[in-house]
Amino acid sequence: LQLPASDVCVLELEVMVNSAVTQASLLDAKLPEGVLVAAVLQEDYVRVPAAGDCLQAGNTALVLAREGHIAAVKAAFSSVSRPAA
């Protein structure tokens, strides 16, 4: 959803296993500047996350991001391949 008269979009993203936002706090997850994780839905519970929170796989996040940052935000919520041990 793009907000009227702006380049800001609201994204609804599922948090995937081994994504950057499950491996580090939101503060340390290297999200682009100005990106805001506004709410996290976990089962039937909605909360506003803090900067120190790590998200869990299976959560759904509502994220505000500028159009130019959408690809980077989606990458942070996507699964990252981990080398086989």
PDB file of N, CA and C in Angstrom:
ATOM      1  N   LEU A   1       0.851  -1.176   0.000  1.00  0.00           N
ATOM      2  CA  LEU A   1       0.000   0.000   0.000  1.00  0.00           C
ATOM      3  C   LEU A   1       0.890   1.229   0.000  1.00  0.00           C
ATOM      4  N   GLN A   2       0.754   2.081  -0.993  1.00  0.00           N
ATOM      5  CA  GLN A   2       1.521   3.322  -1.024  1.00  0.00           C
ATOM      6  C   GLN A   2       0.683   4.422  -0.392  1.00  0.00           C
ATOM      7  N   LEU A   3       1.293   5.168   0.528  1.00  0.00           N
ATOM      8  CA  LEU A   3       0.588   6.269   1.172  1.00  0.00           C
ATOM      9  C   LEU A   3       0.437   7.418   0.185  1.00  0.00           C
ATOM     10  N   PRO A   4      -0.712   8.077   0.178  1.00  0.00           N
ATOM     11  CA  PRO A   4      -0.963   9.155  -0.781  1.00  0.00           C
ATOM     12  C   PRO A   4       0.056  10.286  -0.660  1.00  0.00           C
ATOM     13  N   ALA A   5       0.404  10.860  -1.793  1.00  0.00           N
ATOM     14  CA  ALA A   5       1.285  12.030  -1.878  1.00  0.00           C
ATOM     15  C   ALA A   5       2.631  11.812  -1.201  1.00  0.00           C
ATOM     16  N   SER A   6       3.154  10.594  -1.285  1.00  0.00           N
ATOM     17  CA  SER A   6       4.473  10.317  -0.705  1.00  0.00           C
ATOM     18  C   SER A   6       5.087   9.117  -1.419  1.00  0.00           C
ATOM     19  N   ASP A   7       6.350   8.857  -1.086  1.00  0.00           N
ATOM     20  CA  ASP A   7       6.998   7.659  -1.622  1.00  0.00           C
ATOM     21  C   ASP A   7       7.105   6.580  -0.546  1.00  0.00           C
ATOM     22  N   VAL A   8       6.276   6.693   0.493  1.00  0.00           N
ATOM     23  CA  VAL A   8       6.285   5.735   1.594  1.00  0.00           C
ATOM     24  C   VAL A   8       5.227   4.664   1.351  1.00  0.00           C
ATOM     25  N   CYS A   9       5.642   3.416   1.549  1.00  0.00           N
ATOM     26  CA  CYS A   9       4.748   2.270   1.374  1.00  0.00           C
ATOM     27  C   CYS A   9       4.596   1.537   2.700  1.00  0.00           C
ATOM     28  N   VAL A  10       3.453   0.907   2.870  1.00  0.00           N
ATOM     29  CA  VAL A  10       3.219   0.018   4.001  1.00  0.00           C
ATOM     30  C   VAL A  10       3.322  -1.406   3.467  1.00  0.00           C
ATOM     31  N   LEU A  11       4.226  -2.173   4.045  1.00  0.00           N
ATOM     32  CA  LEU A  11       4.449  -3.558   3.624  1.00  0.00           C
ATOM     33  C   LEU A  11       3.985  -4.507   4.722  1.00  0.00           C
ATOM     34  N   GLU A  12       3.361  -5.592   4.338  1.00  0.00           N
ATOM     35  CA  GLU A  12       3.025  -6.668   5.262  1.00  0.00           C
ATOM     36  C   GLU A  12       3.918  -7.842   4.885  1.00  0.00           C
ATOM     37  N   LEU A  13       4.869  -8.159   5.771  1.00  0.00           N
ATOM     38  CA  LEU A  13       5.889  -9.151   5.447  1.00  0.00           C
ATOM     39  C   LEU A  13       5.905 -10.280   6.465  1.00  0.00           C
ATOM     40  N   GLU A  14       5.971 -11.509   5.968  1.00  0.00           N
ATOM     41  CA  GLU A  14       6.155 -12.648   6.857  1.00  0.00           C
ATOM     42  C   GLU A  14       7.641 -12.778   7.163  1.00  0.00           C
ATOM     43  N   VAL A  15       7.948 -12.990   8.429  1.00  0.00           N
ATOM     44  CA  VAL A  15       9.332 -13.186   8.851  1.00  0.00           C
ATOM     45  C   VAL A  15       9.709 -14.634   8.556  1.00  0.00           C
ATOM     46  N   MET A  16      10.739 -14.818   7.745  1.00  0.00           N
ATOM     47  CA  MET A  16      11.163 -16.154   7.331  1.00  0.00           C
ATOM     48  C   MET A  16      12.280 -16.680   8.240  1.00  0.00           C
ATOM     49  N   VAL A  17      12.426 -17.997   8.262  1.00  0.00           N
ATOM     50  CA  VAL A  17      13.483 -18.653   9.031  1.00  0.00           C
ATOM     51  C   VAL A  17      14.841 -18.150   8.546  1.00  0.00           C
ATOM     52  N   ASN A  18      15.752 -17.899   9.478  1.00  0.00           N
ATOM     53  CA  ASN A  18      17.122 -17.452   9.200  1.00  0.00           C
ATOM     54  C   ASN A  18      17.196 -16.099   8.495  1.00  0.00           C
ATOM     55  N   SER A  19      16.157 -15.298   8.584  1.00  0.00           N
ATOM     56  CA  SER A  19      16.228 -13.962   7.989  1.00  0.00           C
ATOM     57  C   SER A  19      17.049 -13.042   8.889  1.00  0.00           C
ATOM     58  N   ALA A  20      17.500 -11.932   8.340  1.00  0.00           N
ATOM     59  CA  ALA A  20      18.335 -10.991   9.097  1.00  0.00           C
ATOM     60  C   ALA A  20      17.632 -10.499  10.356  1.00  0.00           C
ATOM     61  N   VAL A  21      16.326 -10.310  10.300  1.00  0.00           N
ATOM     62  CA  VAL A  21      15.601  -9.783  11.462  1.00  0.00           C
ATOM     63  C   VAL A  21      15.367 -10.837  12.541  1.00  0.00           C
ATOM     64  N   THR A  22      15.698 -12.108  12.273  1.00  0.00           N
ATOM     65  CA  THR A  22      15.655 -13.135  13.321  1.00  0.00           C
ATOM     66  C   THR A  22      17.039 -13.370  13.910  1.00  0.00           C
ATOM     67  N   GLN A  23      18.066 -12.885  13.244  1.00  0.00           N
ATOM     68  CA  GLN A  23      19.450 -13.124  13.661  1.00  0.00           C
ATOM     69  C   GLN A  23      20.041 -11.971  14.466  1.00  0.00           C
ATOM     70  N   ALA A  24      19.378 -10.823  14.451  1.00  0.00           N
ATOM     71  CA  ALA A  24      19.876  -9.637  15.154  1.00  0.00           C
ATOM     72  C   ALA A  24      18.677  -8.806  15.585  1.00  0.00           C
ATOM     73  N   SER A  25      18.915  -7.904  16.520  1.00  0.00           N
ATOM     74  CA  SER A  25      17.843  -6.994  16.925  1.00  0.00           C
ATOM     75  C   SER A  25      17.473  -6.100  15.744  1.00  0.00           C
ATOM     76  N   LEU A  26      16.308  -5.489  15.798  1.00  0.00           N
ATOM     77  CA  LEU A  26      15.918  -4.567  14.732  1.00  0.00           C
ATOM     78  C   LEU A  26      16.944  -3.448  14.587  1.00  0.00           C
ATOM     79  N   LEU A  27      17.523  -3.021  15.697  1.00  0.00           N
ATOM     80  CA  LEU A  27      18.545  -1.973  15.653  1.00  0.00           C
ATOM     81  C   LEU A  27      19.778  -2.426  14.877  1.00  0.00           C
ATOM     82  N   ASP A  28      20.158  -3.689  15.031  1.00  0.00           N
ATOM     83  CA  ASP A  28      21.380  -4.211  14.415  1.00  0.00           C
ATOM     84  C   ASP A  28      21.139  -4.969  13.108  1.00  0.00           C
ATOM     85  N   ALA A  29      19.908  -5.023  12.633  1.00  0.00           N
ATOM     86  CA  ALA A  29      19.575  -5.829  11.454  1.00  0.00           C
ATOM     87  C   ALA A  29      19.936  -5.150  10.139  1.00  0.00           C
ATOM     88  N   LYS A  30      20.524  -3.983  10.204  1.00  0.00           N
ATOM     89  CA  LYS A  30      20.992  -3.266   9.013  1.00  0.00           C
ATOM     90  C   LYS A  30      19.843  -2.920   8.056  1.00  0.00           C
ATOM     91  N   LEU A  31      18.703  -2.545   8.623  1.00  0.00           N
ATOM     92  CA  LEU A  31      17.610  -2.030   7.801  1.00  0.00           C
ATOM     93  C   LEU A  31      17.985  -0.631   7.330  1.00  0.00           C
ATOM     94  N   PRO A  32      17.539  -0.225   6.159  1.00  0.00           N
ATOM     95  CA  PRO A  32      17.866   1.120   5.672  1.00  0.00           C
ATOM     96  C   PRO A  32      17.353   2.200   6.630  1.00  0.00           C
ATOM     97  N   GLU A  33      18.043   3.321   6.660  1.00  0.00           N
ATOM     98  CA  GLU A  33      17.640   4.440   7.508  1.00  0.00           C
ATOM     99  C   GLU A  33      16.218   4.874   7.154  1.00  0.00           C
ATOM    100  N   GLY A  34      15.430   5.138   8.176  1.00  0.00           N
ATOM    101  CA  GLY A  34      14.069   5.602   7.956  1.00  0.00           C
ATOM    102  C   GLY A  34      13.034   4.501   7.849  1.00  0.00           C
ATOM    103  N   VAL A  35      13.460   3.240   7.842  1.00  0.00           N
ATOM    104  CA  VAL A  35      12.513   2.120   7.805  1.00  0.00           C
ATOM    105  C   VAL A  35      11.976   1.915   9.220  1.00  0.00           C
ATOM    106  N   LEU A  36      10.671   1.732   9.330  1.00  0.00           N
ATOM    107  CA  LEU A  36      10.036   1.565  10.629  1.00  0.00           C
ATOM    108  C   LEU A  36       9.226   0.276  10.649  1.00  0.00           C
ATOM    109  N   VAL A  37       9.569  -0.617  11.567  1.00  0.00           N
ATOM    110  CA  VAL A  37       8.736  -1.794  11.809  1.00  0.00           C
ATOM    111  C   VAL A  37       7.687  -1.328  12.815  1.00  0.00           C
ATOM    112  N   ALA A  38       6.479  -1.079  12.318  1.00  0.00           N
ATOM    113  CA  ALA A  38       5.441  -0.429  13.115  1.00  0.00           C
ATOM    114  C   ALA A  38       4.681  -1.394  14.014  1.00  0.00           C
ATOM    115  N   ALA A  39       4.520  -2.631  13.574  1.00  0.00           N
ATOM    116  CA  ALA A  39       3.775  -3.609  14.368  1.00  0.00           C
ATOM    117  C   ALA A  39       4.226  -5.010  13.992  1.00  0.00           C
ATOM    118  N   VAL A  40       4.108  -5.907  14.964  1.00  0.00           N
ATOM    119  CA  VAL A  40       4.421  -7.318  14.745  1.00  0.00           C
ATOM    120  C   VAL A  40       3.216  -8.132  15.204  1.00  0.00           C
ATOM    121  N   LEU A  41       2.769  -9.010  14.331  1.00  0.00           N
ATOM    122  CA  LEU A  41       1.642  -9.886  14.649  1.00  0.00           C
ATOM    123  C   LEU A  41       2.189 -11.276  14.899  1.00  0.00           C
ATOM    124  N   GLN A  42       1.881 -11.818  16.079  1.00  0.00           N
ATOM    125  CA  GLN A  42       2.312 -13.165  16.433  1.00  0.00           C
ATOM    126  C   GLN A  42       1.078 -13.900  16.928  1.00  0.00           C
ATOM    127  N   GLU A  43       0.620 -14.854  16.144  1.00  0.00           N
ATOM    128  CA  GLU A  43      -0.636 -15.559  16.392  1.00  0.00           C
ATOM    129  C   GLU A  43      -1.755 -14.521  16.475  1.00  0.00           C
ATOM    130  N   ASP A  44      -2.423 -14.389  17.614  1.00  0.00           N
ATOM    131  CA  ASP A  44      -3.523 -13.429  17.744  1.00  0.00           C
ATOM    132  C   ASP A  44      -3.113 -12.175  18.506  1.00  0.00           C
ATOM    133  N   TYR A  45      -1.826 -11.930  18.644  1.00  0.00           N
ATOM    134  CA  TYR A  45      -1.334 -10.816  19.446  1.00  0.00           C
ATOM    135  C   TYR A  45      -0.598  -9.828  18.548  1.00  0.00           C
ATOM    136  N   VAL A  46      -0.891  -8.538  18.721  1.00  0.00           N
ATOM    137  CA  VAL A  46      -0.214  -7.480  17.966  1.00  0.00           C
ATOM    138  C   VAL A  46       0.570  -6.632  18.956  1.00  0.00           C
ATOM    139  N   ARG A  47       1.819  -6.331  18.601  1.00  0.00           N
ATOM    140  CA  ARG A  47       2.635  -5.475  19.477  1.00  0.00           C
ATOM    141  C   ARG A  47       3.464  -4.515  18.645  1.00  0.00           C
ATOM    142  N   VAL A  48       3.881  -3.441  19.296  1.00  0.00           N
ATOM    143  CA  VAL A  48       4.811  -2.492  18.688  1.00  0.00           C
ATOM    144  C   VAL A  48       6.201  -2.901  19.164  1.00  0.00           C
ATOM    145  N   PRO A  49       7.093  -3.276  18.243  1.00  0.00           N
ATOM    146  CA  PRO A  49       8.411  -3.761  18.658  1.00  0.00           C
ATOM    147  C   PRO A  49       9.331  -2.620  19.088  1.00  0.00           C
ATOM    148  N   ALA A  50      10.278  -2.966  19.941  1.00  0.00           N
ATOM    149  CA  ALA A  50      11.328  -2.035  20.350  1.00  0.00           C
ATOM    150  C   ALA A  50      12.572  -2.296  19.504  1.00  0.00           C
ATOM    151  N   ALA A  51      13.487  -1.352  19.505  1.00  0.00           N
ATOM    152  CA  ALA A  51      14.705  -1.468  18.699  1.00  0.00           C
ATOM    153  C   ALA A  51      15.522  -2.698  19.075  1.00  0.00           C
ATOM    154  N   GLY A  52      15.468  -3.122  20.320  1.00  0.00           N
ATOM    155  CA  GLY A  52      16.247  -4.264  20.778  1.00  0.00           C
ATOM    156  C   GLY A  52      15.604  -5.612  20.517  1.00  0.00           C
ATOM    157  N   ASP A  53      14.411  -5.624  19.941  1.00  0.00           N
ATOM    158  CA  ASP A  53      13.701  -6.879  19.688  1.00  0.00           C
ATOM    159  C   ASP A  53      14.249  -7.613  18.471  1.00  0.00           C
ATOM    160  N   CYS A  54      14.293  -8.940  18.563  1.00  0.00           N
ATOM    161  CA  CYS A  54      14.504  -9.815  17.407  1.00  0.00           C
ATOM    162  C   CYS A  54      13.141 -10.388  17.055  1.00  0.00           C
ATOM    163  N   LEU A  55      12.857 -10.494  15.788  1.00  0.00           N
ATOM    164  CA  LEU A  55      11.588 -11.070  15.367  1.00  0.00           C
ATOM    165  C   LEU A  55      11.738 -12.578  15.253  1.00  0.00           C
ATOM    166  N   GLN A  56      10.623 -13.273  15.278  1.00  0.00           N
ATOM    167  CA  GLN A  56      10.631 -14.730  15.188  1.00  0.00           C
ATOM    168  C   GLN A  56      10.043 -15.166  13.857  1.00  0.00           C
ATOM    169  N   ALA A  57      10.599 -16.233  13.310  1.00  0.00           N
ATOM    170  CA  ALA A  57      10.058 -16.793  12.071  1.00  0.00           C
ATOM    171  C   ALA A  57       8.578 -17.075  12.263  1.00  0.00           C
ATOM    172  N   GLY A  58       7.803 -16.736  11.263  1.00  0.00           N
ATOM    173  CA  GLY A  58       6.363 -16.927  11.327  1.00  0.00           C
ATOM    174  C   GLY A  58       5.605 -15.692  11.754  1.00  0.00           C
ATOM    175  N   ASN A  59       6.306 -14.718  12.373  1.00  0.00           N
ATOM    176  CA  ASN A  59       5.662 -13.440  12.684  1.00  0.00           C
ATOM    177  C   ASN A  59       5.295 -12.747  11.386  1.00  0.00           C
ATOM    178  N   THR A  60       4.342 -11.856  11.453  1.00  0.00           N
ATOM    179  CA  THR A  60       4.040 -10.960  10.344  1.00  0.00           C
ATOM    180  C   THR A  60       4.343  -9.553  10.818  1.00  0.00           C
ATOM    181  N   ALA A  61       5.059  -8.787  10.011  1.00  0.00           N
ATOM    182  CA  ALA A  61       5.436  -7.427  10.382  1.00  0.00           C
ATOM    183  C   ALA A  61       4.792  -6.421   9.437  1.00  0.00           C
ATOM    184  N   LEU A  62       4.334  -5.319   9.999  1.00  0.00           N
ATOM    185  CA  LEU A  62       3.886  -4.179   9.206  1.00  0.00           C
ATOM    186  C   LEU A  62       5.021  -3.171   9.215  1.00  0.00           C
ATOM    187  N   VAL A  63       5.514  -2.848   8.035  1.00  0.00           N
ATOM    188  CA  VAL A  63       6.728  -2.050   7.890  1.00  0.00           C
ATOM    189  C   VAL A  63       6.439  -0.834   7.017  1.00  0.00           C
ATOM    190  N   LEU A  64       6.911   0.330   7.444  1.00  0.00           N
ATOM    191  CA  LEU A  64       6.863   1.539   6.631  1.00  0.00           C
ATOM    192  C   LEU A  64       8.235   1.720   6.001  1.00  0.00           C
ATOM    193  N   ALA A  65       8.258   1.901   4.686  1.00  0.00           N
ATOM    194  CA  ALA A  65       9.534   2.050   3.975  1.00  0.00           C
ATOM    195  C   ALA A  65       9.336   2.907   2.734  1.00  0.00           C
ATOM    196  N   ARG A  66      10.362   3.646   2.384  1.00  0.00           N
ATOM    197  CA  ARG A  66      10.334   4.408   1.132  1.00  0.00           C
ATOM    198  C   ARG A  66      10.472   3.428  -0.031  1.00  0.00           C
ATOM    199  N   GLU A  67       9.909   3.802  -1.174  1.00  0.00           N
ATOM    200  CA  GLU A  67       9.941   2.935  -2.360  1.00  0.00           C
ATOM    201  C   GLU A  67      11.346   2.435  -2.673  1.00  0.00           C
ATOM    202  N   GLY A  68      12.339   3.301  -2.548  1.00  0.00           N
ATOM    203  CA  GLY A  68      13.710   2.936  -2.881  1.00  0.00           C
ATOM    204  C   GLY A  68      14.337   1.929  -1.937  1.00  0.00           C
ATOM    205  N   HIS A  69      13.690   1.670  -0.792  1.00  0.00           N
ATOM    206  CA  HIS A  69      14.233   0.735   0.197  1.00  0.00           C
ATOM    207  C   HIS A  69      13.493  -0.600   0.232  1.00  0.00           C
ATOM    208  N   ILE A  70      12.460  -0.754  -0.592  1.00  0.00           N
ATOM    209  CA  ILE A  70      11.615  -1.949  -0.505  1.00  0.00           C
ATOM    210  C   ILE A  70      12.408  -3.235  -0.739  1.00  0.00           C
ATOM    211  N   ALA A  71      13.272  -3.276  -1.722  1.00  0.00           N
ATOM    212  CA  ALA A  71      14.040  -4.498  -2.005  1.00  0.00           C
ATOM    213  C   ALA A  71      14.920  -4.882  -0.818  1.00  0.00           C
ATOM    214  N   ALA A  72      15.580  -3.909  -0.203  1.00  0.00           N
ATOM    215  CA  ALA A  72      16.448  -4.190   0.945  1.00  0.00           C
ATOM    216  C   ALA A  72      15.631  -4.671   2.143  1.00  0.00           C
ATOM    217  N   VAL A  73      14.465  -4.088   2.332  1.00  0.00           N
ATOM    218  CA  VAL A  73      13.603  -4.505   3.439  1.00  0.00           C
ATOM    219  C   VAL A  73      13.120  -5.937   3.210  1.00  0.00           C
ATOM    220  N   LYS A  74      12.661  -6.234   2.015  1.00  0.00           N
ATOM    221  CA  LYS A  74      12.203  -7.599   1.717  1.00  0.00           C
ATOM    222  C   LYS A  74      13.332  -8.606   1.903  1.00  0.00           C
ATOM    223  N   ALA A  75      14.544  -8.234   1.530  1.00  0.00           N
ATOM    224  CA  ALA A  75      15.691  -9.130   1.707  1.00  0.00           C
ATOM    225  C   ALA A  75      15.952  -9.410   3.186  1.00  0.00           C
ATOM    226  N   ALA A  76      15.788  -8.406   4.041  1.00  0.00           N
ATOM    227  CA  ALA A  76      16.028  -8.581   5.472  1.00  0.00           C
ATOM    228  C   ALA A  76      15.020  -9.526   6.119  1.00  0.00           C
ATOM    229  N   PHE A  77      13.848  -9.664   5.514  1.00  0.00           N
ATOM    230  CA  PHE A  77      12.804 -10.536   6.051  1.00  0.00           C
ATOM    231  C   PHE A  77      12.792 -11.910   5.384  1.00  0.00           C
ATOM    232  N   SER A  78      13.588 -12.092   4.338  1.00  0.00           N
ATOM    233  CA  SER A  78      13.629 -13.351   3.591  1.00  0.00           C
ATOM    234  C   SER A  78      14.636 -14.311   4.203  1.00  0.00           C
ATOM    235  N   SER A  79      14.486 -15.586   3.885  1.00  0.00           N
ATOM    236  CA  SER A  79      15.419 -16.600   4.381  1.00  0.00           C
ATOM    237  C   SER A  79      16.794 -16.398   3.774  1.00  0.00           C
ATOM    238  N   VAL A  80      17.789 -16.608   4.587  1.00  0.00           N
ATOM    239  CA  VAL A  80      19.177 -16.539   4.140  1.00  0.00           C
ATOM    240  C   VAL A  80      19.708 -17.959   4.143  1.00  0.00           C
ATOM    241  N   SER A  81      20.281 -18.377   3.045  1.00  0.00           N
ATOM    242  CA  SER A  81      20.864 -19.723   2.989  1.00  0.00           C
ATOM    243  C   SER A  81      22.046 -19.797   3.925  1.00  0.00           C
ATOM    244  N   ARG A  82      22.103 -20.861   4.684  1.00  0.00           N
ATOM    245  CA  ARG A  82      23.231 -21.077   5.590  1.00  0.00           C
ATOM    246  C   ARG A  82      24.031 -22.254   5.058  1.00  0.00           C
ATOM    247  N   PRO A  83      25.355 -22.138   5.061  1.00  0.00           N
ATOM    248  CA  PRO A  83      26.180 -23.238   4.564  1.00  0.00           C
ATOM    249  C   PRO A  83      25.967 -24.510   5.384  1.00  0.00           C
ATOM    250  N   ALA A  84      26.015 -25.639   4.718  1.00  0.00           N
ATOM    251  CA  ALA A  84      25.875 -26.923   5.414  1.00  0.00           C
ATOM    252  C   ALA A  84      27.093 -27.160   6.292  1.00  0.00           C
ATOM    253  N   ALA A  85      26.854 -27.738   7.448  1.00  0.00           N
ATOM    254  CA  ALA A  85      27.960 -27.978   8.392  1.00  0.00           C
ATOM    255  C   ALA A  85      28.660 -29.275   8.090  1.00  0.00           C
TER     256      ALA A  85
END
